[in-house]
Amino acid sequence: MRVRVRRRPVKYARIEVRPNGEVVVTAPEGFDVETLVEKHRGWLEARLEEIDGLRELAESGFPINGEFYQVIQGRRAKVHERFKTVILSPSREDVLSCLKRFLRKELLPLVDEYGDKMGVKPGKVYIRHQKSRWGSCSPKGNLNFNVRLVSVPPRLREYVVVHELAHIKYMNHSREFWELVGRFYPDYRTARKDLKRWWSIIELNPYWRSLSGV
């Protein structure tokens, strides 16, 4: 078990398992990290075993809509849904632009549909390559979505859209916020767990790693 300790002026120590299999402990100076790791060893080993199980799946192709497409190297990037193939060009920018166009076509109808249902009017919709979250909502109601959403099953994209639209009414994660989310996406707790799993898959996927400069 690879453990990396980060000493920070935090009130409480926290422990997490990164998709690369590294255990990261963030703790204040003088905190007994070894005891914390031993206390959570069972959970850590189960999480590491889960990541090992995801690795083979993550390396089986390029994930699109929750499926793994065959990868073909070519001059211009393109997604072929009919043939379940993705053409990847040598240009990182070309590939990301292709994926953004594909995702925008999938997302905009959902934003319009749920915006009407939820009684909110979003501003502009941006798709960016982010390394830490699936989406965000600005105080002006502009929505940002991660291009990585192109890889997850459509039902999970639907949840992210509902989540971000709900922030137009509540710029927090209050009880009222989750009640609004639950009204339009009742199974949001399962979706949140599934998105964590997909984040690990994307982090382990060699093609996404290349697109992220890893």
C-alpha atoms as a PDB file:
ATOM      1  CA  MET A   1       0.000   0.000   0.000  1.00  0.00           C
ATOM      2  CA  ARG A   2       1.525   3.295  -1.146  1.00  0.00           C
ATOM      3  CA  VAL A   3       0.762   6.049   1.346  1.00  0.00           C
ATOM      4  CA  ARG A   4       1.559   9.721   0.752  1.00  0.00           C
ATOM      5  CA  VAL A   5       1.220  12.142   3.646  1.00  0.00           C
ATOM      6  CA  ARG A   6       0.384  15.809   3.113  1.00  0.00           C
ATOM      7  CA  ARG A   7       0.871  18.017   6.146  1.00  0.00           C
ATOM      8  CA  ARG A   8      -1.637  20.849   6.091  1.00  0.00           C
ATOM      9  CA  PRO A   9      -3.118  23.203   8.731  1.00  0.00           C
ATOM     10  CA  VAL A  10      -6.435  21.326   8.723  1.00  0.00           C
ATOM     11  CA  LYS A  11      -8.707  20.737  11.694  1.00  0.00           C
ATOM     12  CA  TYR A  12      -9.395  17.082  10.919  1.00  0.00           C
ATOM     13  CA  ALA A  13      -7.277  14.492   9.125  1.00  0.00           C
ATOM     14  CA  ARG A  14      -8.735  12.921   6.003  1.00  0.00           C
ATOM     15  CA  ILE A  15      -7.809   9.887   3.961  1.00  0.00           C
ATOM     16  CA  GLU A  16      -8.564   9.098   0.319  1.00  0.00           C
ATOM     17  CA  VAL A  17      -7.640   6.574  -2.329  1.00  0.00           C
ATOM     18  CA  ARG A  18      -6.650   8.055  -5.678  1.00  0.00           C
ATOM     19  CA  PRO A  19      -7.576   6.279  -8.914  1.00  0.00           C
ATOM     20  CA  ASN A  20      -3.882   5.452  -9.459  1.00  0.00           C
ATOM     21  CA  GLY A  21      -3.918   3.343  -6.283  1.00  0.00           C
ATOM     22  CA  GLU A  22      -2.151   5.877  -4.098  1.00  0.00           C
ATOM     23  CA  VAL A  23      -3.459   6.432  -0.574  1.00  0.00           C
ATOM     24  CA  VAL A  24      -3.273  10.126   0.349  1.00  0.00           C
ATOM     25  CA  VAL A  25      -3.557  11.289   3.942  1.00  0.00           C
ATOM     26  CA  THR A  26      -3.997  14.998   4.646  1.00  0.00           C
ATOM     27  CA  ALA A  27      -3.271  15.760   8.279  1.00  0.00           C
ATOM     28  CA  PRO A  28      -1.899  18.494  10.568  1.00  0.00           C
ATOM     29  CA  GLU A  29       1.627  18.388  11.936  1.00  0.00           C
ATOM     30  CA  GLY A  30       2.099  15.830  14.696  1.00  0.00           C
ATOM     31  CA  PHE A  31      -0.952  13.780  13.754  1.00  0.00           C
ATOM     32  CA  ASP A  32      -0.498   9.980  14.047  1.00  0.00           C
ATOM     33  CA  VAL A  33      -0.983   8.948  10.430  1.00  0.00           C
ATOM     34  CA  GLU A  34       0.066   5.326  10.933  1.00  0.00           C
ATOM     35  CA  THR A  35      -2.723   4.715  13.442  1.00  0.00           C
ATOM     36  CA  LEU A  36      -5.269   6.305  11.111  1.00  0.00           C
ATOM     37  CA  VAL A  37      -4.189   4.073   8.227  1.00  0.00           C
ATOM     38  CA  GLU A  38      -4.377   0.947  10.395  1.00  0.00           C
ATOM     39  CA  LYS A  39      -7.837   1.912  11.625  1.00  0.00           C
ATOM     40  CA  HIS A  40      -9.105   2.132   8.060  1.00  0.00           C
ATOM     41  CA  ARG A  41      -6.990  -0.657   6.579  1.00  0.00           C
ATOM     42  CA  GLY A  42      -9.989  -2.869   5.770  1.00  0.00           C
ATOM     43  CA  TRP A  43     -11.757  -0.107   3.851  1.00  0.00           C
ATOM     44  CA  LEU A  44      -8.546   0.929   2.108  1.00  0.00           C
ATOM     45  CA  GLU A  45      -7.751  -2.593   0.942  1.00  0.00           C
ATOM     46  CA  ALA A  46     -11.315  -3.035  -0.370  1.00  0.00           C
ATOM     47  CA  ARG A  47     -11.068   0.264  -2.251  1.00  0.00           C
ATOM     48  CA  LEU A  48      -7.692  -0.684  -3.743  1.00  0.00           C
ATOM     49  CA  GLU A  49      -9.083  -4.046  -4.826  1.00  0.00           C
ATOM     50  CA  GLU A  50     -12.006  -2.266  -6.487  1.00  0.00           C
ATOM     51  CA  ILE A  51      -9.606  -0.019  -8.418  1.00  0.00           C
ATOM     52  CA  ASP A  52      -7.605  -3.031  -9.590  1.00  0.00           C
ATOM     53  CA  GLY A  53     -10.842  -4.537 -10.863  1.00  0.00           C
ATOM     54  CA  LEU A  54     -11.667  -1.372 -12.789  1.00  0.00           C
ATOM     55  CA  ARG A  55      -8.266  -1.159 -14.422  1.00  0.00           C
ATOM     56  CA  GLU A  56      -8.862  -3.947 -16.979  1.00  0.00           C
ATOM     57  CA  LEU A  57     -12.236  -2.442 -17.893  1.00  0.00           C
ATOM     58  CA  ALA A  58     -10.746   1.041 -18.202  1.00  0.00           C
ATOM     59  CA  GLU A  59      -8.100  -0.200 -20.623  1.00  0.00           C
ATOM     60  CA  SER A  60     -10.574  -1.948 -22.953  1.00  0.00           C
ATOM     61  CA  GLY A  61     -11.199   1.035 -25.256  1.00  0.00           C
ATOM     62  CA  PHE A  62     -12.373   4.640 -25.280  1.00  0.00           C
ATOM     63  CA  PRO A  63     -15.499   5.133 -23.143  1.00  0.00           C
ATOM     64  CA  ILE A  64     -18.448   6.783 -24.907  1.00  0.00           C
ATOM     65  CA  ASN A  65     -21.932   6.829 -23.370  1.00  0.00           C
ATOM     66  CA  GLY A  66     -20.910   4.182 -20.855  1.00  0.00           C
ATOM     67  CA  GLU A  67     -19.611   1.756 -23.506  1.00  0.00           C
ATOM     68  CA  PHE A  68     -16.061   1.080 -24.631  1.00  0.00           C
ATOM     69  CA  TYR A  69     -15.457   1.895 -28.274  1.00  0.00           C
ATOM     70  CA  GLN A  70     -12.660   0.530 -30.407  1.00  0.00           C
ATOM     71  CA  VAL A  71      -9.898   3.085 -30.988  1.00  0.00           C
ATOM     72  CA  ILE A  72      -8.510   3.803 -34.455  1.00  0.00           C
ATOM     73  CA  GLN A  73      -5.684   6.218 -35.107  1.00  0.00           C
ATOM     74  CA  GLY A  74      -6.403   8.665 -37.920  1.00  0.00           C
ATOM     75  CA  ARG A  75      -5.893  12.175 -39.270  1.00  0.00           C
ATOM     76  CA  ARG A  76      -9.107  13.698 -37.852  1.00  0.00           C
ATOM     77  CA  ALA A  77     -10.911  12.824 -34.648  1.00  0.00           C
ATOM     78  CA  LYS A  78     -14.411  11.409 -34.978  1.00  0.00           C
ATOM     79  CA  VAL A  79     -16.928   9.350 -32.978  1.00  0.00           C
ATOM     80  CA  HIS A  80     -18.788   6.636 -34.936  1.00  0.00           C
ATOM     81  CA  GLU A  81     -21.757   5.558 -32.806  1.00  0.00           C
ATOM     82  CA  ARG A  82     -22.990   3.103 -35.410  1.00  0.00           C
ATOM     83  CA  PHE A  83     -19.706   1.202 -35.563  1.00  0.00           C
ATOM     84  CA  LYS A  84     -18.732   1.798 -31.903  1.00  0.00           C
ATOM     85  CA  THR A  85     -15.389   3.272 -32.894  1.00  0.00           C
ATOM     86  CA  VAL A  86     -13.474   6.432 -32.048  1.00  0.00           C
ATOM     87  CA  ILE A  87     -10.886   7.880 -34.381  1.00  0.00           C
ATOM     88  CA  LEU A  88      -8.142   9.645 -32.440  1.00  0.00           C
ATOM     89  CA  SER A  89      -5.902  12.076 -34.273  1.00  0.00           C
ATOM     90  CA  PRO A  90      -2.370  13.085 -33.204  1.00  0.00           C
ATOM     91  CA  SER A  91      -3.725  16.493 -32.112  1.00  0.00           C
ATOM     92  CA  ARG A  92      -4.960  16.641 -28.524  1.00  0.00           C
ATOM     93  CA  GLU A  93      -6.903  19.825 -29.308  1.00  0.00           C
ATOM     94  CA  ASP A  94      -8.610  18.171 -32.282  1.00  0.00           C
ATOM     95  CA  VAL A  95      -9.716  15.197 -30.172  1.00  0.00           C
ATOM     96  CA  LEU A  96     -11.044  17.372 -27.339  1.00  0.00           C
ATOM     97  CA  SER A  97     -12.892  19.618 -29.808  1.00  0.00           C
ATOM     98  CA  CYS A  98     -14.519  16.562 -31.379  1.00  0.00           C
ATOM     99  CA  LEU A  99     -15.601  15.222 -27.979  1.00  0.00           C
ATOM    100  CA  LYS A 100     -16.948  18.623 -26.935  1.00  0.00           C
ATOM    101  CA  ARG A 101     -19.079  18.857 -30.071  1.00  0.00           C
ATOM    102  CA  PHE A 102     -20.425  15.358 -29.496  1.00  0.00           C
ATOM    103  CA  LEU A 103     -21.223  16.098 -25.848  1.00  0.00           C
ATOM    104  CA  ARG A 104     -22.849  19.467 -26.582  1.00  0.00           C
ATOM    105  CA  LYS A 105     -25.285  17.716 -28.926  1.00  0.00           C
ATOM    106  CA  GLU A 106     -26.226  15.376 -26.075  1.00  0.00           C
ATOM    107  CA  LEU A 107     -26.357  17.972 -23.285  1.00  0.00           C
ATOM    108  CA  LEU A 108     -28.222  20.937 -24.744  1.00  0.00           C
ATOM    109  CA  PRO A 109     -31.573  19.116 -25.153  1.00  0.00           C
ATOM    110  CA  LEU A 110     -31.308  17.958 -21.525  1.00  0.00           C
ATOM    111  CA  VAL A 111     -30.561  21.477 -20.309  1.00  0.00           C
ATOM    112  CA  ASP A 112     -33.572  22.823 -22.214  1.00  0.00           C
ATOM    113  CA  GLU A 113     -35.867  20.003 -21.073  1.00  0.00           C
ATOM    114  CA  TYR A 114     -35.008  20.150 -17.385  1.00  0.00           C
ATOM    115  CA  GLY A 115     -34.695  23.918 -17.334  1.00  0.00           C
ATOM    116  CA  ASP A 116     -38.354  24.114 -18.376  1.00  0.00           C
ATOM    117  CA  LYS A 117     -39.430  21.423 -15.909  1.00  0.00           C
ATOM    118  CA  MET A 118     -37.557  22.997 -12.995  1.00  0.00           C
ATOM    119  CA  GLY A 119     -38.589  26.529 -13.812  1.00  0.00           C
ATOM    120  CA  VAL A 120     -35.066  27.902 -14.204  1.00  0.00           C
ATOM    121  CA  LYS A 121     -33.393  29.761 -17.039  1.00  0.00           C
ATOM    122  CA  PRO A 122     -29.688  28.965 -17.394  1.00  0.00           C
ATOM    123  CA  GLY A 123     -27.319  31.400 -19.056  1.00  0.00           C
ATOM    124  CA  LYS A 124     -24.584  30.189 -21.325  1.00  0.00           C
ATOM    125  CA  VAL A 125     -23.486  26.551 -21.479  1.00  0.00           C
ATOM    126  CA  TYR A 126     -19.760  25.836 -21.613  1.00  0.00           C
ATOM    127  CA  ILE A 127     -17.970  22.522 -22.059  1.00  0.00           C
ATOM    128  CA  ARG A 128     -14.440  22.425 -20.708  1.00  0.00           C
ATOM    129  CA  HIS A 129     -11.769  19.878 -19.922  1.00  0.00           C
ATOM    130  CA  GLN A 130     -11.679  19.927 -16.128  1.00  0.00           C
ATOM    131  CA  LYS A 131      -9.674  17.636 -13.875  1.00  0.00           C
ATOM    132  CA  SER A 132     -11.592  17.853 -10.626  1.00  0.00           C
ATOM    133  CA  ARG A 133     -15.372  18.018 -11.118  1.00  0.00           C
ATOM    134  CA  TRP A 134     -18.182  17.090 -13.480  1.00  0.00           C
ATOM    135  CA  GLY A 135     -19.799  20.490 -13.654  1.00  0.00           C
ATOM    136  CA  SER A 136     -20.457  23.845 -12.023  1.00  0.00           C
ATOM    137  CA  CYS A 137     -22.894  26.756 -12.040  1.00  0.00           C
ATOM    138  CA  SER A 138     -21.810  30.392 -11.853  1.00  0.00           C
ATOM    139  CA  PRO A 139     -23.681  33.078  -9.867  1.00  0.00           C
ATOM    140  CA  LYS A 140     -24.984  34.368 -13.213  1.00  0.00           C
ATOM    141  CA  GLY A 141     -26.514  30.973 -14.017  1.00  0.00           C
ATOM    142  CA  ASN A 142     -23.913  29.970 -16.592  1.00  0.00           C
ATOM    143  CA  LEU A 143     -23.328  26.221 -16.652  1.00  0.00           C
ATOM    144  CA  ASN A 144     -19.969  24.503 -17.058  1.00  0.00           C
ATOM    145  CA  PHE A 145     -19.791  20.822 -17.938  1.00  0.00           C
ATOM    146  CA  ASN A 146     -16.747  18.594 -18.071  1.00  0.00           C
ATOM    147  CA  VAL A 147     -16.023  17.064 -21.474  1.00  0.00           C
ATOM    148  CA  ARG A 148     -15.383  13.818 -19.587  1.00  0.00           C
ATOM    149  CA  LEU A 149     -19.165  13.462 -19.355  1.00  0.00           C
ATOM    150  CA  VAL A 150     -19.017  12.167 -22.921  1.00  0.00           C
ATOM    151  CA  SER A 151     -17.794   8.896 -21.411  1.00  0.00           C
ATOM    152  CA  VAL A 152     -20.498   8.204 -18.817  1.00  0.00           C
ATOM    153  CA  PRO A 153     -23.895   6.547 -19.348  1.00  0.00           C
ATOM    154  CA  PRO A 154     -26.587   9.030 -20.460  1.00  0.00           C
ATOM    155  CA  ARG A 155     -28.565   8.642 -17.214  1.00  0.00           C
ATOM    156  CA  LEU A 156     -25.587   9.979 -15.259  1.00  0.00           C
ATOM    157  CA  ARG A 157     -25.265  12.999 -17.558  1.00  0.00           C
ATOM    158  CA  GLU A 158     -28.929  13.604 -16.876  1.00  0.00           C
ATOM    159  CA  TYR A 159     -28.226  13.729 -13.142  1.00  0.00           C
ATOM    160  CA  VAL A 160     -25.351  16.194 -13.574  1.00  0.00           C
ATOM    161  CA  VAL A 161     -27.629  18.482 -15.612  1.00  0.00           C
ATOM    162  CA  VAL A 162     -30.321  18.397 -12.919  1.00  0.00           C
ATOM    163  CA  HIS A 163     -27.691  19.012 -10.224  1.00  0.00           C
ATOM    164  CA  GLU A 164     -26.248  22.086 -11.915  1.00  0.00           C
ATOM    165  CA  LEU A 165     -29.658  23.521 -12.835  1.00  0.00           C
ATOM    166  CA  ALA A 166     -30.694  23.195  -9.202  1.00  0.00           C
ATOM    167  CA  HIS A 167     -27.778  25.462  -8.305  1.00  0.00           C
ATOM    168  CA  ILE A 168     -29.456  28.288 -10.192  1.00  0.00           C
ATOM    169  CA  LYS A 169     -32.000  28.336  -7.353  1.00  0.00           C
ATOM    170  CA  TYR A 170     -29.685  27.258  -4.532  1.00  0.00           C
ATOM    171  CA  MET A 171     -25.982  28.092  -4.727  1.00  0.00           C
ATOM    172  CA  ASN A 172     -25.213  25.559  -1.991  1.00  0.00           C
ATOM    173  CA  HIS A 173     -25.895  21.952  -1.020  1.00  0.00           C
ATOM    174  CA  SER A 174     -28.622  22.709   1.492  1.00  0.00           C
ATOM    175  CA  ARG A 175     -31.583  20.481   2.327  1.00  0.00           C
ATOM    176  CA  GLU A 176     -33.704  22.553  -0.066  1.00  0.00           C
ATOM    177  CA  PHE A 177     -31.173  21.986  -2.829  1.00  0.00           C
ATOM    178  CA  TRP A 178     -31.251  18.199  -2.454  1.00  0.00           C
ATOM    179  CA  GLU A 179     -35.049  18.216  -2.224  1.00  0.00           C
ATOM    180  CA  LEU A 180     -35.173  20.005  -5.572  1.00  0.00           C
ATOM    181  CA  VAL A 181     -32.685  17.568  -7.132  1.00  0.00           C
ATOM    182  CA  GLY A 182     -34.628  14.607  -5.727  1.00  0.00           C
ATOM    183  CA  ARG A 183     -37.888  15.891  -7.179  1.00  0.00           C
ATOM    184  CA  PHE A 184     -36.511  15.643 -10.713  1.00  0.00           C
ATOM    185  CA  TYR A 185     -33.933  12.872 -10.260  1.00  0.00           C
ATOM    186  CA  PRO A 186     -35.091  10.662  -7.356  1.00  0.00           C
ATOM    187  CA  ASP A 187     -32.198   8.189  -7.563  1.00  0.00           C
ATOM    188  CA  TYR A 188     -29.498  10.853  -7.199  1.00  0.00           C
ATOM    189  CA  ARG A 189     -27.671   8.994  -4.409  1.00  0.00           C
ATOM    190  CA  THR A 190     -27.000   6.031  -6.700  1.00  0.00           C
ATOM    191  CA  ALA A 191     -25.953   8.392  -9.491  1.00  0.00           C
ATOM    192  CA  ARG A 192     -23.416  10.072  -7.203  1.00  0.00           C
ATOM    193  CA  LYS A 193     -21.848   6.697  -6.350  1.00  0.00           C
ATOM    194  CA  ASP A 194     -21.788   5.638 -10.000  1.00  0.00           C
ATOM    195  CA  LEU A 195     -20.131   8.895 -11.034  1.00  0.00           C
ATOM    196  CA  LYS A 196     -17.320   8.284  -8.543  1.00  0.00           C
ATOM    197  CA  ARG A 197     -16.775   4.873 -10.137  1.00  0.00           C
ATOM    198  CA  TRP A 198     -16.710   6.413 -13.612  1.00  0.00           C
ATOM    199  CA  TRP A 199     -14.284   9.088 -12.497  1.00  0.00           C
ATOM    200  CA  SER A 200     -11.889   6.315 -11.467  1.00  0.00           C
ATOM    201  CA  ILE A 201     -12.393   4.548 -14.805  1.00  0.00           C
ATOM    202  CA  ILE A 202     -11.592   7.735 -16.728  1.00  0.00           C
ATOM    203  CA  GLU A 203      -8.540   8.410 -14.582  1.00  0.00           C
ATOM    204  CA  LEU A 204      -7.309   4.889 -15.373  1.00  0.00           C
ATOM    205  CA  ASN A 205      -8.166   5.011 -19.075  1.00  0.00           C
ATOM    206  CA  PRO A 206      -4.955   5.381 -21.139  1.00  0.00           C
ATOM    207  CA  TYR A 207      -6.596   7.585 -23.775  1.00  0.00           C
ATOM    208  CA  TRP A 208      -8.000  10.038 -21.253  1.00  0.00           C
ATOM    209  CA  ARG A 209      -4.686  10.007 -19.441  1.00  0.00           C
ATOM    210  CA  SER A 210      -2.999  11.043 -22.675  1.00  0.00           C
ATOM    211  CA  LEU A 211      -5.582  13.787 -23.232  1.00  0.00           C
ATOM    212  CA  SER A 212      -4.883  15.025 -19.702  1.00  0.00           C
ATOM    213  CA  GLY A 213      -1.150  15.148 -20.344  1.00  0.00           C
ATOM    214  CA  VAL A 214      -0.322  12.199 -18.077  1.00  0.00           C
END
